[in-house]
C-alpha atoms as a PDB file:
ATOM      1  CA  MET A   1     134.024 109.309  94.111  1.00  0.00           C
ATOM      2  CA  GLY A   2     135.383 106.218  95.524  1.00  0.00           C
ATOM      3  CA  GLY A   3     132.589 104.150  96.555  1.00  0.00           C
ATOM      4  CA  ARG A   4     131.064 106.766  98.746  1.00  0.00           C
ATOM      5  CA  LEU A   5     128.193 109.407  98.352  1.00  0.00           C
ATOM      6  CA  GLU A   6     128.710 112.942  99.354  1.00  0.00           C
ATOM      7  CA  GLY A   7     127.321 112.463 103.295  1.00  0.00           C
ATOM      8  CA  GLY A   8     129.740 109.587 103.395  1.00  0.00           C
ATOM      9  CA  ARG A   9     127.271 106.892 103.177  1.00  0.00           C
ATOM     10  CA  PRO A  10     128.547 103.949 101.333  1.00  0.00           C
ATOM     11  CA  MET A  11     127.113 103.529  97.777  1.00  0.00           C
ATOM     12  CA  ARG A  12     124.497 101.145  97.521  1.00  0.00           C
ATOM     13  CA  ARG A  13     123.138  99.768  94.179  1.00  0.00           C
ATOM     14  CA  PHE A  14     119.583  99.862  96.182  1.00  0.00           C
ATOM     15  CA  GLY A  15     119.851 102.847  98.479  1.00  0.00           C
ATOM     16  CA  LEU A  16     117.889 105.726  97.873  1.00  0.00           C
ATOM     17  CA  ARG A  17     119.560 108.792  96.176  1.00  0.00           C
ATOM     18  CA  ASP A  18     119.836 112.288  98.364  1.00  0.00           C
ATOM     19  CA  ASP A  19     117.133 113.816  96.033  1.00  0.00           C
ATOM     20  CA  GLN A  20     115.273 111.075  96.685  1.00  0.00           C
ATOM     21  CA  TRP A  21     115.150 111.007 100.386  1.00  0.00           C
ATOM     22  CA  GLU A  22     114.708 114.670 100.508  1.00  0.00           C
ATOM     23  CA  ARG A  23     111.531 114.191  99.270  1.00  0.00           C
ATOM     24  CA  ILE A  24     110.012 111.371 101.368  1.00  0.00           C
ATOM     25  CA  LYS A  25     112.276 112.504 104.677  1.00  0.00           C
ATOM     26  CA  ASP A  26     109.468 114.952 106.016  1.00  0.00           C
ATOM     27  CA  PHE A  27     106.575 112.535 105.812  1.00  0.00           C
ATOM     28  CA  LEU A  28     107.791 109.651 108.015  1.00  0.00           C
ATOM     29  CA  PRO A  29     107.123 108.945 111.671  1.00  0.00           C
ATOM     30  CA  GLY A  30     109.970 109.339 113.846  1.00  0.00           C
ATOM     31  CA  ARG A  31     111.655 112.131 112.356  1.00  0.00           C
ATOM     32  CA  GLU A  32     112.899 114.928 114.598  1.00  0.00           C
ATOM     33  CA  GLY A  33     110.277 117.077 115.926  1.00  0.00           C
ATOM     34  CA  HIS A  34     107.738 114.259 115.526  1.00  0.00           C
ATOM     35  CA  VAL A  35     105.179 113.322 118.242  1.00  0.00           C
ATOM     36  CA  GLY A  36     106.553 110.093 119.783  1.00  0.00           C
ATOM     37  CA  GLY A  37     110.101 108.614 119.714  1.00  0.00           C
ATOM     38  CA  THR A  38     112.938 109.609 117.239  1.00  0.00           C
ATOM     39  CA  ALA A  39     113.837 106.897 114.810  1.00  0.00           C
ATOM     40  CA  ALA A  40     117.381 105.731 114.831  1.00  0.00           C
ATOM     41  CA  ASP A  41     117.893 105.996 111.542  1.00  0.00           C
ATOM     42  CA  ASN A  42     114.934 106.015 108.901  1.00  0.00           C
ATOM     43  CA  ARG A  43     116.766 106.245 105.631  1.00  0.00           C
ATOM     44  CA  LEU A  44     118.453 103.007 106.385  1.00  0.00           C
ATOM     45  CA  PHE A  45     115.139 101.418 106.983  1.00  0.00           C
ATOM     46  CA  VAL A  46     113.597 102.721 104.150  1.00  0.00           C
ATOM     47  CA  GLU A  47     116.129 101.582 102.002  1.00  0.00           C
ATOM     48  CA  ALA A  48     116.010  98.025 103.713  1.00  0.00           C
ATOM     49  CA  VAL A  49     112.668  98.003 102.695  1.00  0.00           C
ATOM     50  CA  LEU A  50     113.454  98.755  99.171  1.00  0.00           C
ATOM     51  CA  TYR A  51     116.033  96.143  99.000  1.00  0.00           C
ATOM     52  CA  ARG A  52     113.953  93.780  99.979  1.00  0.00           C
ATOM     53  CA  TYR A  53     111.010  94.545  97.143  1.00  0.00           C
ATOM     54  CA  ARG A  54     113.614  94.914  94.361  1.00  0.00           C
ATOM     55  CA  THR A  55     115.377  91.857  95.271  1.00  0.00           C
ATOM     56  CA  GLY A  56     112.735  89.780  96.348  1.00  0.00           C
ATOM     57  CA  CYS A  57     114.432  88.421  98.980  1.00  0.00           C
ATOM     58  CA  PRO A  58     112.555  87.013 102.265  1.00  0.00           C
ATOM     59  CA  TRP A  59     112.899  88.925 105.198  1.00  0.00           C
ATOM     60  CA  ARG A  60     115.279  86.730 106.883  1.00  0.00           C
ATOM     61  CA  ASP A  61     117.763  87.033 104.132  1.00  0.00           C
ATOM     62  CA  LEU A  62     117.894  90.468 104.564  1.00  0.00           C
ATOM     63  CA  PRO A  63     121.670  91.622 104.606  1.00  0.00           C
ATOM     64  CA  GLU A  64     122.593  92.540 108.306  1.00  0.00           C
ATOM     65  CA  ARG A  65     123.859  96.158 107.610  1.00  0.00           C
ATOM     66  CA  PHE A  66     119.773  97.051 107.935  1.00  0.00           C
ATOM     67  CA  GLY A  67     119.820  95.404 111.404  1.00  0.00           C
ATOM     68  CA  HIS A  68     117.995  92.585 112.548  1.00  0.00           C
ATOM     69  CA  TRP A  69     115.223  91.400 110.150  1.00  0.00           C
ATOM     70  CA  LYS A  70     112.793  90.983 112.817  1.00  0.00           C
ATOM     71  CA  SER A  71     112.868  94.432 113.685  1.00  0.00           C
ATOM     72  CA  VAL A  72     113.231  95.752 110.169  1.00  0.00           C
ATOM     73  CA  HIS A  73     109.746  93.215 109.554  1.00  0.00           C
ATOM     74  CA  GLN A  74     108.244  94.868 112.996  1.00  0.00           C
ATOM     75  CA  ARG A  75     108.499  97.954 111.931  1.00  0.00           C
ATOM     76  CA  PHE A  76     107.397  97.636 108.616  1.00  0.00           C
ATOM     77  CA  SER A  77     104.467  95.852 109.649  1.00  0.00           C
ATOM     78  CA  ARG A  78     103.686  98.781 111.649  1.00  0.00           C
ATOM     79  CA  TRP A  79     104.146 101.277 108.856  1.00  0.00           C
ATOM     80  CA  ALA A  80     101.835  99.648 106.681  1.00  0.00           C
ATOM     81  CA  GLU A  81      99.217  99.092 109.232  1.00  0.00           C
ATOM     82  CA  GLY A  82      99.521 103.107 110.170  1.00  0.00           C
ATOM     83  CA  GLU A  83      98.910 103.999 106.279  1.00  0.00           C
ATOM     84  CA  VAL A  84     102.575 105.619 106.343  1.00  0.00           C
ATOM     85  CA  PHE A  85     103.569 103.752 102.819  1.00  0.00           C
ATOM     86  CA  ASP A  86     100.169 105.307 101.406  1.00  0.00           C
ATOM     87  CA  ARG A  87     101.090 108.685 102.641  1.00  0.00           C
ATOM     88  CA  ILE A  88     104.190 108.428 100.869  1.00  0.00           C
ATOM     89  CA  PHE A  89     103.248 107.503  97.644  1.00  0.00           C
ATOM     90  CA  LYS A  90     100.366 110.142  97.390  1.00  0.00           C
ATOM     91  CA  VAL A  91     102.628 112.332  97.945  1.00  0.00           C
ATOM     92  CA  LEU A  92     105.019 111.230  95.173  1.00  0.00           C
ATOM     93  CA  ALA A  93     102.155 110.777  93.202  1.00  0.00           C
ATOM     94  CA  SER A  94     101.161 114.282  93.217  1.00  0.00           C
ATOM     95  CA  ASP A  95     104.492 115.669  92.025  1.00  0.00           C
ATOM     96  CA  PRO A  96     105.824 112.999  89.273  1.00  0.00           C
ATOM     97  CA  ASP A  97     109.218 113.624  87.923  1.00  0.00           C
ATOM     98  CA  ASN A  98     108.669 111.147  85.133  1.00  0.00           C
ATOM     99  CA  GLU A  99     111.962 109.387  86.313  1.00  0.00           C
ATOM    100  CA  TYR A 100     110.500 106.088  85.513  1.00  0.00           C
ATOM    101  CA  MET A 101     107.945 107.048  83.035  1.00  0.00           C
ATOM    102  CA  MET A 102     110.930 106.911  79.514  1.00  0.00           C
ATOM    103  CA  ILE A 103     110.348 104.620  77.266  1.00  0.00           C
ATOM    104  CA  ASP A 104     112.801 103.764  74.135  1.00  0.00           C
ATOM    105  CA  ALA A 105     112.861 101.334  71.197  1.00  0.00           C
ATOM    106  CA  THR A 106     114.369  98.613  73.205  1.00  0.00           C
ATOM    107  CA  ILE A 107     111.465  98.042  75.370  1.00  0.00           C
ATOM    108  CA  VAL A 108     108.724  98.332  72.358  1.00  0.00           C
ATOM    109  CA  ARG A 109     108.177  95.584  70.781  1.00  0.00           C
ATOM    110  CA  ALA A 110     105.085  95.070  68.044  1.00  0.00           C
ATOM    111  CA  HIS A 111     103.028  91.813  67.432  1.00  0.00           C
ATOM    112  CA  GLN A 112     104.422  90.023  64.486  1.00  0.00           C
ATOM    113  CA  HIS A 113     100.800  90.996  62.702  1.00  0.00           C
ATOM    114  CA  SER A 114     101.561  94.433  62.997  1.00  0.00           C
ATOM    115  CA  ALA A 115     103.450  94.466  60.485  1.00  0.00           C
ATOM    116  CA  GLY A 116     101.497  96.102  57.663  1.00  0.00           C
ATOM    117  CA  ALA A 117     101.754  92.758  55.418  1.00  0.00           C
ATOM    118  CA  ARG A 118      98.948  91.360  53.913  1.00  0.00           C
ATOM    119  CA  LYS A 119      96.569  88.615  55.287  1.00  0.00           C
ATOM    120  CA  LYS A 120      96.995  85.504  53.914  1.00  0.00           C
ATOM    121  CA  THR A 121      93.606  83.961  53.169  1.00  0.00           C
ATOM    122  CA  VAL A 122      93.254  80.539  54.012  1.00  0.00           C
ATOM    123  CA  SER A 123      91.122  77.853  51.764  1.00  0.00           C
ATOM    124  CA  LYS A 124      88.995  75.271  53.550  1.00  0.00           C
ATOM    125  CA  ARG A 125      89.567  71.658  52.257  1.00  0.00           C
ATOM    126  CA  SER A 126      87.216  70.431  54.505  1.00  0.00           C
ATOM    127  CA  ALA A 127      84.453  72.261  52.804  1.00  0.00           C
ATOM    128  CA  ASP A 128      85.887  71.508  49.252  1.00  0.00           C
ATOM    129  CA  ARG A 129      85.715  67.717  49.823  1.00  0.00           C
ATOM    130  CA  ALA A 130      82.275  67.482  51.525  1.00  0.00           C
ATOM    131  CA  GLU A 131      81.214  69.007  48.035  1.00  0.00           C
ATOM    132  CA  ASP A 132      82.610  66.073  46.122  1.00  0.00           C
END
């Protein structure tokens, strides 16, 4: 692979895989054949939003490869107001692939009291002293 995906796009840790992109691309505004303007690159914008929320960086610290941070933030705000993200989440929730629902023993921890040991009884010394 040499650091590149099949489509020639550079590999990014926080980017979308091609199968993930295919699931959402037809529900986004600005796509080909959609009423209104055609967006230059919806995928790049979605990856910018994912990068920002996965890293927790402020909008101003968004890497330049995603474009000017203020333009990305403005577009994000428009999509949020237009409930675009709500539509995407509903589509994804209606057809779950359970990719992130896996559990293994490395993340499951039991509380120390759940080990099944007998409970220790504690005698109250203050009550014993009051009888003296």
